[in-house]
PDB file of all heavy atoms in Angstrom:
ATOM      1  N   GLY A   1      -0.074   2.392  -7.242  1.00  0.00           N
ATOM      2  CA  GLY A   1       0.156   2.467  -5.709  1.00  0.00           C
ATOM      3  C   GLY A   1      -1.091   1.769  -5.031  1.00  0.00           C
ATOM      4  O   GLY A   1      -1.950   1.089  -5.662  1.00  0.00           O
ATOM      5  N   VAL A   2      -1.068   1.985  -3.782  1.00  0.00           N
ATOM      6  CA  VAL A   2      -2.046   1.518  -2.830  1.00  0.00           C
ATOM      7  C   VAL A   2      -2.443   2.573  -1.870  1.00  0.00           C
ATOM      8  O   VAL A   2      -1.717   3.512  -1.660  1.00  0.00           O
ATOM      9  CB  VAL A   2      -1.678   0.164  -2.118  1.00  0.00           C
ATOM     10  CG1 VAL A   2      -1.372  -0.945  -3.089  1.00  0.00           C
ATOM     11  CG2 VAL A   2      -0.515   0.582  -1.254  1.00  0.00           C
ATOM     12  N   PHE A   3      -3.662   2.470  -1.317  1.00  0.00           N
ATOM     13  CA  PHE A   3      -4.062   3.355  -0.271  1.00  0.00           C
ATOM     14  C   PHE A   3      -3.871   2.567   1.055  1.00  0.00           C
ATOM     15  O   PHE A   3      -4.424   1.605   1.416  1.00  0.00           O
ATOM     16  CB  PHE A   3      -5.566   3.725  -0.356  1.00  0.00           C
ATOM     17  CG  PHE A   3      -5.760   4.956  -1.372  1.00  0.00           C
ATOM     18  CD1 PHE A   3      -6.300   4.754  -2.563  1.00  0.00           C
ATOM     19  CD2 PHE A   3      -5.410   6.237  -0.902  1.00  0.00           C
ATOM     20  CE1 PHE A   3      -6.581   5.739  -3.370  1.00  0.00           C
ATOM     21  CE2 PHE A   3      -5.583   7.246  -1.802  1.00  0.00           C
ATOM     22  CZ  PHE A   3      -6.167   7.038  -3.070  1.00  0.00           C
ATOM     23  N   LEU A   4      -3.060   3.193   1.982  1.00  0.00           N
ATOM     24  CA  LEU A   4      -2.825   2.740   3.366  1.00  0.00           C
ATOM     25  C   LEU A   4      -3.726   3.412   4.257  1.00  0.00           C
ATOM     26  O   LEU A   4      -4.163   4.505   4.111  1.00  0.00           O
ATOM     27  CB  LEU A   4      -1.409   2.987   3.729  1.00  0.00           C
ATOM     28  CG  LEU A   4      -0.326   2.241   2.948  1.00  0.00           C
ATOM     29  CD1 LEU A   4       1.108   2.744   3.368  1.00  0.00           C
ATOM     30  CD2 LEU A   4      -0.389   0.774   3.147  1.00  0.00           C
ATOM     31  N   VAL A   5      -4.082   2.547   5.334  1.00  0.00           N
ATOM     32  CA  VAL A   5      -5.040   3.213   6.457  1.00  0.00           C
ATOM     33  C   VAL A   5      -4.070   3.915   7.349  1.00  0.00           C
ATOM     34  O   VAL A   5      -3.066   3.232   8.014  1.00  0.00           O
ATOM     35  CB  VAL A   5      -5.672   2.025   7.106  1.00  0.00           C
ATOM     36  CG1 VAL A   5      -6.428   2.612   8.289  1.00  0.00           C
ATOM     37  CG2 VAL A   5      -6.541   1.388   6.131  1.00  0.00           C
ATOM     38  N   ALA A   6      -4.149   5.140   7.422  1.00  0.00           N
ATOM     39  CA  ALA A   6      -3.149   6.032   8.310  1.00  0.00           C
ATOM     40  C   ALA A   6      -4.069   6.705   9.399  1.00  0.00           C
ATOM     41  O   ALA A   6      -5.272   7.045   9.210  1.00  0.00           O
ATOM     42  CB  ALA A   6      -2.531   7.138   7.621  1.00  0.00           C
ATOM     43  N   ASP A   7      -3.442   7.062  10.454  1.00  0.00           N
ATOM     44  CA  ASP A   7      -3.965   7.696  11.640  1.00  0.00           C
ATOM     45  C   ASP A   7      -3.996   9.216  11.399  1.00  0.00           C
ATOM     46  O   ASP A   7      -2.908   9.738  11.285  1.00  0.00           O
ATOM     47  CB  ASP A   7      -3.446   7.390  12.953  1.00  0.00           C
ATOM     48  CG  ASP A   7      -3.679   5.887  13.333  1.00  0.00           C
ATOM     49  OD1 ASP A   7      -4.777   5.465  12.932  1.00  0.00           O
ATOM     50  OD2 ASP A   7      -2.855   5.307  13.982  1.00  0.00           O
ATOM     51  N   GLY A   8      -5.168   9.891  11.352  1.00  0.00           N
ATOM     52  CA  GLY A   8      -5.105  11.334  11.153  1.00  0.00           C
ATOM     53  C   GLY A   8      -5.306  12.051  12.554  1.00  0.00           C
ATOM     54  O   GLY A   8      -5.272  11.362  13.662  1.00  0.00           O
ATOM     55  N   GLU A   9      -5.451  13.408  12.641  1.00  0.00           N
ATOM     56  CA  GLU A   9      -5.651  14.145  13.787  1.00  0.00           C
ATOM     57  C   GLU A   9      -6.921  13.689  14.641  1.00  0.00           C
ATOM     58  O   GLU A   9      -6.836  13.576  15.788  1.00  0.00           O
ATOM     59  CB  GLU A   9      -5.760  15.685  13.577  1.00  0.00           C
ATOM     60  CG  GLU A   9      -4.352  16.085  13.047  1.00  0.00           C
ATOM     61  CD  GLU A   9      -4.403  17.559  12.766  1.00  0.00           C
ATOM     62  OE1 GLU A   9      -5.471  18.240  13.000  1.00  0.00           O
ATOM     63  OE2 GLU A   9      -3.351  18.116  12.346  1.00  0.00           O
ATOM     64  N   GLU A  10      -8.046  13.575  13.798  1.00  0.00           N
ATOM     65  CA  GLU A  10      -9.246  13.219  14.423  1.00  0.00           C
ATOM     66  C   GLU A  10      -9.682  11.816  14.150  1.00  0.00           C
ATOM     67  O   GLU A  10     -10.317  11.201  15.005  1.00  0.00           O
ATOM     68  CB  GLU A  10     -10.364  14.192  13.971  1.00  0.00           C
ATOM     69  CG  GLU A  10     -10.010  15.673  14.362  1.00  0.00           C
ATOM     70  CD  GLU A  10     -11.279  16.601  13.883  1.00  0.00           C
ATOM     71  OE1 GLU A  10     -12.116  16.090  13.275  1.00  0.00           O
ATOM     72  OE2 GLU A  10     -11.071  17.780  14.094  1.00  0.00           O
ATOM     73  N   ARG A  11      -9.458  11.265  12.924  1.00  0.00           N
ATOM     74  CA  ARG A  11      -9.814   9.905  12.605  1.00  0.00           C
ATOM     75  C   ARG A  11      -8.897   9.366  11.594  1.00  0.00           C
ATOM     76  O   ARG A  11      -7.956  10.100  11.136  1.00  0.00           O
ATOM     77  CB  ARG A  11     -11.320  10.022  12.112  1.00  0.00           C
ATOM     78  CG  ARG A  11     -11.508  10.825  10.867  1.00  0.00           C
ATOM     79  CD  ARG A  11     -13.026  10.670  10.398  1.00  0.00           C
ATOM     80  NE  ARG A  11     -13.384   9.407  10.274  1.00  0.00           N
ATOM     81  CZ  ARG A  11     -14.256   8.690  11.095  1.00  0.00           C
ATOM     82  NH1 ARG A  11     -14.697   9.306  12.212  1.00  0.00           N
ATOM     83  NH2 ARG A  11     -14.551   7.520  10.853  1.00  0.00           N
ATOM     84  N   LYS A  12      -9.237   8.218  11.092  1.00  0.00           N
ATOM     85  CA  LYS A  12      -8.376   7.456  10.062  1.00  0.00           C
ATOM     86  C   LYS A  12      -8.379   8.131   8.706  1.00  0.00           C
ATOM     87  O   LYS A  12      -9.503   8.582   8.493  1.00  0.00           O
ATOM     88  CB  LYS A  12      -8.650   5.968  10.052  1.00  0.00           C
ATOM     89  CG  LYS A  12      -8.298   5.315  11.391  1.00  0.00           C
ATOM     90  CD  LYS A  12      -8.422   3.803  11.183  1.00  0.00           C
ATOM     91  CE  LYS A  12      -8.196   3.099  12.536  1.00  0.00           C
ATOM     92  NZ  LYS A  12      -6.951   3.414  13.070  1.00  0.00           N
ATOM     93  N   GLN A  13      -7.319   8.172   7.945  1.00  0.00           N
ATOM     94  CA  GLN A  13      -7.377   8.761   6.631  1.00  0.00           C
ATOM     95  C   GLN A  13      -6.650   7.668   5.612  1.00  0.00           C
ATOM     96  O   GLN A  13      -5.992   6.754   6.032  1.00  0.00           O
ATOM     97  CB  GLN A  13      -6.608  10.129   6.653  1.00  0.00           C
ATOM     98  CG  GLN A  13      -7.153  11.120   7.413  1.00  0.00           C
ATOM     99  CD  GLN A  13      -6.222  12.381   7.384  1.00  0.00           C
ATOM    100  OE1 GLN A  13      -5.064  12.244   7.087  1.00  0.00           O
ATOM    101  NE2 GLN A  13      -6.716  13.472   7.932  1.00  0.00           N
ATOM    102  N   ALA A  14      -6.992   7.986   4.382  1.00  0.00           N
ATOM    103  CA  ALA A  14      -6.406   7.186   3.295  1.00  0.00           C
ATOM    104  C   ALA A  14      -5.171   7.947   2.813  1.00  0.00           C
ATOM    105  O   ALA A  14      -5.206   9.085   2.551  1.00  0.00           O
ATOM    106  CB  ALA A  14      -7.282   6.975   2.181  1.00  0.00           C
ATOM    107  N   ARG A  15      -3.994   7.174   2.783  1.00  0.00           N
ATOM    108  CA  ARG A  15      -2.769   7.684   2.346  1.00  0.00           C
ATOM    109  C   ARG A  15      -2.265   6.934   1.023  1.00  0.00           C
ATOM    110  O   ARG A  15      -2.088   5.786   1.108  1.00  0.00           O
ATOM    111  CB  ARG A  15      -1.744   7.608   3.332  1.00  0.00           C
ATOM    112  CG  ARG A  15      -1.924   8.530   4.572  1.00  0.00           C
ATOM    113  CD  ARG A  15      -1.968  10.009   4.131  1.00  0.00           C
ATOM    114  NE  ARG A  15      -2.146  10.921   5.200  1.00  0.00           N
ATOM    115  CZ  ARG A  15      -2.448  12.200   5.123  1.00  0.00           C
ATOM    116  NH1 ARG A  15      -2.433  12.768   3.896  1.00  0.00           N
ATOM    117  NH2 ARG A  15      -2.501  13.011   6.148  1.00  0.00           N
ATOM    118  N   PHE A  16      -2.269   7.553  -0.059  1.00  0.00           N
ATOM    119  CA  PHE A  16      -1.814   6.981  -1.330  1.00  0.00           C
ATOM    120  C   PHE A  16      -0.296   6.821  -1.244  1.00  0.00           C
ATOM    121  O   PHE A  16       0.354   7.907  -1.012  1.00  0.00           O
ATOM    122  CB  PHE A  16      -2.282   7.745  -2.523  1.00  0.00           C
ATOM    123  CG  PHE A  16      -1.908   7.210  -3.851  1.00  0.00           C
ATOM    124  CD1 PHE A  16      -2.554   6.049  -4.302  1.00  0.00           C
ATOM    125  CD2 PHE A  16      -0.739   7.644  -4.555  1.00  0.00           C
ATOM    126  CE1 PHE A  16      -2.091   5.502  -5.592  1.00  0.00           C
ATOM    127  CE2 PHE A  16      -0.402   7.085  -5.728  1.00  0.00           C
ATOM    128  CZ  PHE A  16      -1.187   5.966  -6.289  1.00  0.00           C
ATOM    129  N   THR A  17       0.230   5.761  -1.623  1.00  0.00           N
ATOM    130  CA  THR A  17       1.567   5.256  -1.572  1.00  0.00           C
ATOM    131  C   THR A  17       1.965   4.636  -2.924  1.00  0.00           C
ATOM    132  O   THR A  17       1.493   3.534  -3.198  1.00  0.00           O
ATOM    133  CB  THR A  17       1.973   4.430  -0.344  1.00  0.00           C
ATOM    134  OG1 THR A  17       1.653   4.903   0.783  1.00  0.00           O
ATOM    135  CG2 THR A  17       3.404   4.244  -0.355  1.00  0.00           C
ATOM    136  N   PRO A  18       2.744   5.304  -3.820  1.00  0.00           N
ATOM    137  CA  PRO A  18       3.336   4.529  -4.983  1.00  0.00           C
ATOM    138  C   PRO A  18       4.172   3.397  -4.611  1.00  0.00           C
ATOM    139  O   PRO A  18       4.874   3.221  -3.689  1.00  0.00           O
ATOM    140  CB  PRO A  18       4.231   5.667  -5.616  1.00  0.00           C
ATOM    141  CG  PRO A  18       3.733   6.933  -5.114  1.00  0.00           C
ATOM    142  CD  PRO A  18       3.366   6.666  -3.562  1.00  0.00           C
ATOM    143  N   VAL A  19       3.944   2.287  -5.418  1.00  0.00           N
ATOM    144  CA  VAL A  19       4.672   0.973  -5.079  1.00  0.00           C
ATOM    145  C   VAL A  19       5.369   0.387  -6.356  1.00  0.00           C
ATOM    146  O   VAL A  19       4.815   0.833  -7.576  1.00  0.00           O
ATOM    147  CB  VAL A  19       3.675   0.014  -4.426  1.00  0.00           C
ATOM    148  CG1 VAL A  19       3.165   0.381  -3.189  1.00  0.00           C
ATOM    149  CG2 VAL A  19       2.577  -0.461  -5.384  1.00  0.00           C
ATOM    150  N   THR A  20       6.237  -0.308  -6.145  1.00  0.00           N
ATOM    151  CA  THR A  20       6.823  -1.162  -7.268  1.00  0.00           C
ATOM    152  C   THR A  20       6.522  -2.584  -6.910  1.00  0.00           C
ATOM    153  O   THR A  20       6.708  -3.201  -5.880  1.00  0.00           O
ATOM    154  CB  THR A  20       8.436  -1.034  -7.308  1.00  0.00           C
ATOM    155  OG1 THR A  20       8.769   0.305  -7.415  1.00  0.00           O
ATOM    156  CG2 THR A  20       8.919  -1.887  -8.540  1.00  0.00           C
ATOM    157  N   VAL A  21       5.806  -3.169  -7.964  1.00  0.00           N
ATOM    158  CA  VAL A  21       5.242  -4.648  -7.759  1.00  0.00           C
ATOM    159  C   VAL A  21       6.210  -5.640  -8.398  1.00  0.00           C
ATOM    160  O   VAL A  21       7.016  -5.297  -9.353  1.00  0.00           O
ATOM    161  CB  VAL A  21       3.829  -4.675  -8.420  1.00  0.00           C
ATOM    162  CG1 VAL A  21       2.868  -3.763  -7.682  1.00  0.00           C
ATOM    163  CG2 VAL A  21       3.830  -4.621  -9.730  1.00  0.00           C
ATOM    164  N   GLY A  22       6.075  -6.897  -8.044  1.00  0.00           N
ATOM    165  CA  GLY A  22       6.725  -7.923  -8.546  1.00  0.00           C
ATOM    166  C   GLY A  22       5.927  -8.952  -9.032  1.00  0.00           C
ATOM    167  O   GLY A  22       5.161  -8.944  -9.887  1.00  0.00           O
ATOM    168  N   VAL A  23       6.102 -10.191  -8.347  1.00  0.00           N
ATOM    169  CA  VAL A  23       5.372 -11.451  -8.771  1.00  0.00           C
ATOM    170  C   VAL A  23       3.875 -11.435  -8.343  1.00  0.00           C
ATOM    171  O   VAL A  23       3.443 -10.993  -7.390  1.00  0.00           O
ATOM    172  CB  VAL A  23       5.990 -12.716  -8.100  1.00  0.00           C
ATOM    173  CG1 VAL A  23       5.291 -13.902  -8.413  1.00  0.00           C
ATOM    174  CG2 VAL A  23       7.524 -12.857  -8.456  1.00  0.00           C
ATOM    175  N   ARG A  24       3.122 -11.795  -9.426  1.00  0.00           N
ATOM    176  CA  ARG A  24       1.646 -11.902  -9.170  1.00  0.00           C
ATOM    177  C   ARG A  24       1.277 -13.411  -9.067  1.00  0.00           C
ATOM    178  O   ARG A  24       1.720 -14.238  -9.875  1.00  0.00           O
ATOM    179  CB  ARG A  24       0.857 -11.295 -10.271  1.00  0.00           C
ATOM    180  CG  ARG A  24       1.044  -9.753 -10.392  1.00  0.00           C
ATOM    181  CD  ARG A  24       0.359  -9.140 -11.568  1.00  0.00           C
ATOM    182  NE  ARG A  24       0.503  -7.779 -11.711  1.00  0.00           N
ATOM    183  CZ  ARG A  24      -0.294  -6.924 -11.253  1.00  0.00           C
ATOM    184  NH1 ARG A  24      -1.546  -7.297 -10.818  1.00  0.00           N
ATOM    185  NH2 ARG A  24      -0.115  -5.584 -11.454  1.00  0.00           N
ATOM    186  N   ASP A  25       0.539 -13.804  -8.061  1.00  0.00           N
ATOM    187  CA  ASP A  25       0.128 -15.127  -7.975  1.00  0.00           C
ATOM    188  C   ASP A  25      -1.265 -15.292  -7.344  1.00  0.00           C
ATOM    189  O   ASP A  25      -1.374 -15.032  -6.172  1.00  0.00           O
ATOM    190  CB  ASP A  25       1.208 -15.911  -7.009  1.00  0.00           C
ATOM    191  CG  ASP A  25       0.983 -17.363  -6.748  1.00  0.00           C
ATOM    192  OD1 ASP A  25       0.133 -17.914  -7.588  1.00  0.00           O
ATOM    193  OD2 ASP A  25       1.573 -17.971  -5.947  1.00  0.00           O
ATOM    194  N   GLU A  26      -2.125 -15.787  -8.158  1.00  0.00           N
ATOM    195  CA  GLU A  26      -3.512 -16.217  -7.645  1.00  0.00           C
ATOM    196  C   GLU A  26      -4.150 -15.011  -6.783  1.00  0.00           C
ATOM    197  O   GLU A  26      -4.656 -15.377  -5.574  1.00  0.00           O
ATOM    198  CB  GLU A  26      -3.491 -17.563  -6.968  1.00  0.00           C
ATOM    199  CG  GLU A  26      -3.030 -18.682  -7.772  1.00  0.00           C
ATOM    200  CD  GLU A  26      -3.947 -19.047  -8.861  1.00  0.00           C
ATOM    201  OE1 GLU A  26      -5.095 -18.669  -8.803  1.00  0.00           O
ATOM    202  OE2 GLU A  26      -3.467 -19.575  -9.953  1.00  0.00           O
ATOM    203  N   GLY A  27      -4.289 -13.847  -7.242  1.00  0.00           N
ATOM    204  CA  GLY A  27      -4.990 -12.788  -6.449  1.00  0.00           C
ATOM    205  C   GLY A  27      -4.141 -12.073  -5.549  1.00  0.00           C
ATOM    206  O   GLY A  27      -4.645 -11.115  -4.764  1.00  0.00           O
ATOM    207  N   TRP A  28      -2.731 -12.348  -5.482  1.00  0.00           N
ATOM    208  CA  TRP A  28      -1.642 -11.605  -4.596  1.00  0.00           C
ATOM    209  C   TRP A  28      -0.682 -11.100  -5.476  1.00  0.00           C
ATOM    210  O   TRP A  28      -0.409 -11.596  -6.505  1.00  0.00           O
ATOM    211  CB  TRP A  28      -1.351 -12.512  -3.626  1.00  0.00           C
ATOM    212  CG  TRP A  28      -2.285 -12.912  -2.556  1.00  0.00           C
ATOM    213  CD1 TRP A  28      -3.255 -13.927  -2.682  1.00  0.00           C
ATOM    214  CD2 TRP A  28      -2.560 -12.186  -1.277  1.00  0.00           C
ATOM    215  NE1 TRP A  28      -4.078 -13.952  -1.488  1.00  0.00           N
ATOM    216  CE2 TRP A  28      -3.632 -12.922  -0.719  1.00  0.00           C
ATOM    217  CE3 TRP A  28      -1.990 -11.169  -0.625  1.00  0.00           C
ATOM    218  CZ2 TRP A  28      -4.151 -12.533   0.572  1.00  0.00           C
ATOM    219  CZ3 TRP A  28      -2.414 -10.857   0.583  1.00  0.00           C
ATOM    220  CH2 TRP A  28      -3.434 -11.545   1.205  1.00  0.00           C
ATOM    221  N   VAL A  29      -0.049  -9.972  -5.036  1.00  0.00           N
ATOM    222  CA  VAL A  29       1.000  -9.402  -5.766  1.00  0.00           C
ATOM    223  C   VAL A  29       2.062  -8.961  -4.798  1.00  0.00           C
ATOM    224  O   VAL A  29       1.727  -8.389  -3.743  1.00  0.00           O
ATOM    225  CB  VAL A  29       0.400  -8.091  -6.609  1.00  0.00           C
ATOM    226  CG1 VAL A  29      -0.196  -6.999  -5.681  1.00  0.00           C
ATOM    227  CG2 VAL A  29       1.636  -7.524  -7.408  1.00  0.00           C
ATOM    228  N   GLU A  30       3.347  -9.056  -5.253  1.00  0.00           N
ATOM    229  CA  GLU A  30       4.413  -8.786  -4.346  1.00  0.00           C
ATOM    230  C   GLU A  30       4.697  -7.276  -4.436  1.00  0.00           C
ATOM    231  O   GLU A  30       4.678  -6.691  -5.420  1.00  0.00           O
ATOM    232  CB  GLU A  30       5.733  -9.521  -4.875  1.00  0.00           C
ATOM    233  CG  GLU A  30       6.915  -9.121  -4.091  1.00  0.00           C
ATOM    234  CD  GLU A  30       8.194  -9.714  -4.905  1.00  0.00           C
ATOM    235  OE1 GLU A  30       8.094 -10.125  -6.021  1.00  0.00           O
ATOM    236  OE2 GLU A  30       9.303  -9.480  -4.178  1.00  0.00           O
ATOM    237  N   ILE A  31       4.976  -6.695  -3.350  1.00  0.00           N
ATOM    238  CA  ILE A  31       5.468  -5.298  -3.206  1.00  0.00           C
ATOM    239  C   ILE A  31       6.849  -5.308  -2.956  1.00  0.00           C
ATOM    240  O   ILE A  31       7.265  -5.587  -1.826  1.00  0.00           O
ATOM    241  CB  ILE A  31       4.588  -4.546  -2.088  1.00  0.00           C
ATOM    242  CG1 ILE A  31       3.054  -4.614  -2.191  1.00  0.00           C
ATOM    243  CG2 ILE A  31       5.027  -3.162  -1.965  1.00  0.00           C
ATOM    244  CD1 ILE A  31       2.571  -3.971  -3.430  1.00  0.00           C
ATOM    245  N   ARG A  32       7.546  -4.850  -3.949  1.00  0.00           N
ATOM    246  CA  ARG A  32       9.013  -4.753  -3.772  1.00  0.00           C
ATOM    247  C   ARG A  32       9.548  -3.488  -3.119  1.00  0.00           C
ATOM    248  O   ARG A  32      10.443  -3.576  -2.285  1.00  0.00           O
ATOM    249  CB  ARG A  32       9.734  -4.959  -5.147  1.00  0.00           C
ATOM    250  CG  ARG A  32       9.423  -6.375  -5.730  1.00  0.00           C
ATOM    251  CD  ARG A  32      10.288  -6.514  -6.975  1.00  0.00           C
ATOM    252  NE  ARG A  32      10.152  -7.912  -7.530  1.00  0.00           N
ATOM    253  CZ  ARG A  32      10.684  -8.281  -8.741  1.00  0.00           C
ATOM    254  NH1 ARG A  32      11.356  -7.497  -9.401  1.00  0.00           N
ATOM    255  NH2 ARG A  32      10.515  -9.507  -9.117  1.00  0.00           N
ATOM    256  N   GLU A  33       8.886  -2.404  -3.352  1.00  0.00           N
ATOM    257  CA  GLU A  33       9.257  -1.211  -2.873  1.00  0.00           C
ATOM    258  C   GLU A  33       8.066  -0.266  -2.640  1.00  0.00           C
ATOM    259  O   GLU A  33       7.124  -0.287  -3.596  1.00  0.00           O
ATOM    260  CB  GLU A  33      10.410  -0.397  -3.716  1.00  0.00           C
ATOM    261  CG  GLU A  33      11.698  -1.055  -3.798  1.00  0.00           C
ATOM    262  CD  GLU A  33      12.694  -0.363  -4.598  1.00  0.00           C
ATOM    263  OE1 GLU A  33      12.282   0.623  -5.327  1.00  0.00           O
ATOM    264  OE2 GLU A  33      13.851  -0.794  -4.758  1.00  0.00           O
ATOM    265  N   PRO A  34       7.944   0.435  -1.629  1.00  0.00           N
ATOM    266  CA  PRO A  34       8.771   0.484  -0.471  1.00  0.00           C
ATOM    267  C   PRO A  34       8.621  -0.455   0.519  1.00  0.00           C
ATOM    268  O   PRO A  34       7.619  -1.353   0.103  1.00  0.00           O
ATOM    269  CB  PRO A  34       8.452   1.919   0.171  1.00  0.00           C
ATOM    270  CG  PRO A  34       7.068   2.169  -0.265  1.00  0.00           C
ATOM    271  CD  PRO A  34       6.968   1.428  -1.773  1.00  0.00           C
ATOM    272  N   ASP A  35       9.137  -0.438   1.738  1.00  0.00           N
ATOM    273  CA  ASP A  35       9.006  -1.479   2.741  1.00  0.00           C
ATOM    274  C   ASP A  35       7.675  -0.964   3.461  1.00  0.00           C
ATOM    275  O   ASP A  35       7.748  -0.297   4.509  1.00  0.00           O
ATOM    276  CB  ASP A  35      10.145  -1.496   3.670  1.00  0.00           C
ATOM    277  CG  ASP A  35      10.044  -2.641   4.659  1.00  0.00           C
ATOM    278  OD1 ASP A  35       9.042  -3.412   4.620  1.00  0.00           O
ATOM    279  OD2 ASP A  35      10.893  -2.771   5.499  1.00  0.00           O
ATOM    280  N   LEU A  36       6.460  -1.505   3.011  1.00  0.00           N
ATOM    281  CA  LEU A  36       5.193  -1.182   3.571  1.00  0.00           C
ATOM    282  C   LEU A  36       4.961  -2.016   4.903  1.00  0.00           C
ATOM    283  O   LEU A  36       5.429  -3.068   5.169  1.00  0.00           O
ATOM    284  CB  LEU A  36       4.090  -1.234   2.661  1.00  0.00           C
ATOM    285  CG  LEU A  36       4.219  -0.572   1.419  1.00  0.00           C
ATOM    286  CD1 LEU A  36       2.989  -0.794   0.523  1.00  0.00           C
ATOM    287  CD2 LEU A  36       4.321   0.955   1.684  1.00  0.00           C
TER     288      LEU A  36
END
């Protein structure tokens, strides 16, 4: 998964989100699911 930047009650928080990846290309990777 990835950590998303989320807004908390007082300040920003890290939210871990499981993902399904696809094509990898030169340092980038496709996120197929979910719709981030």
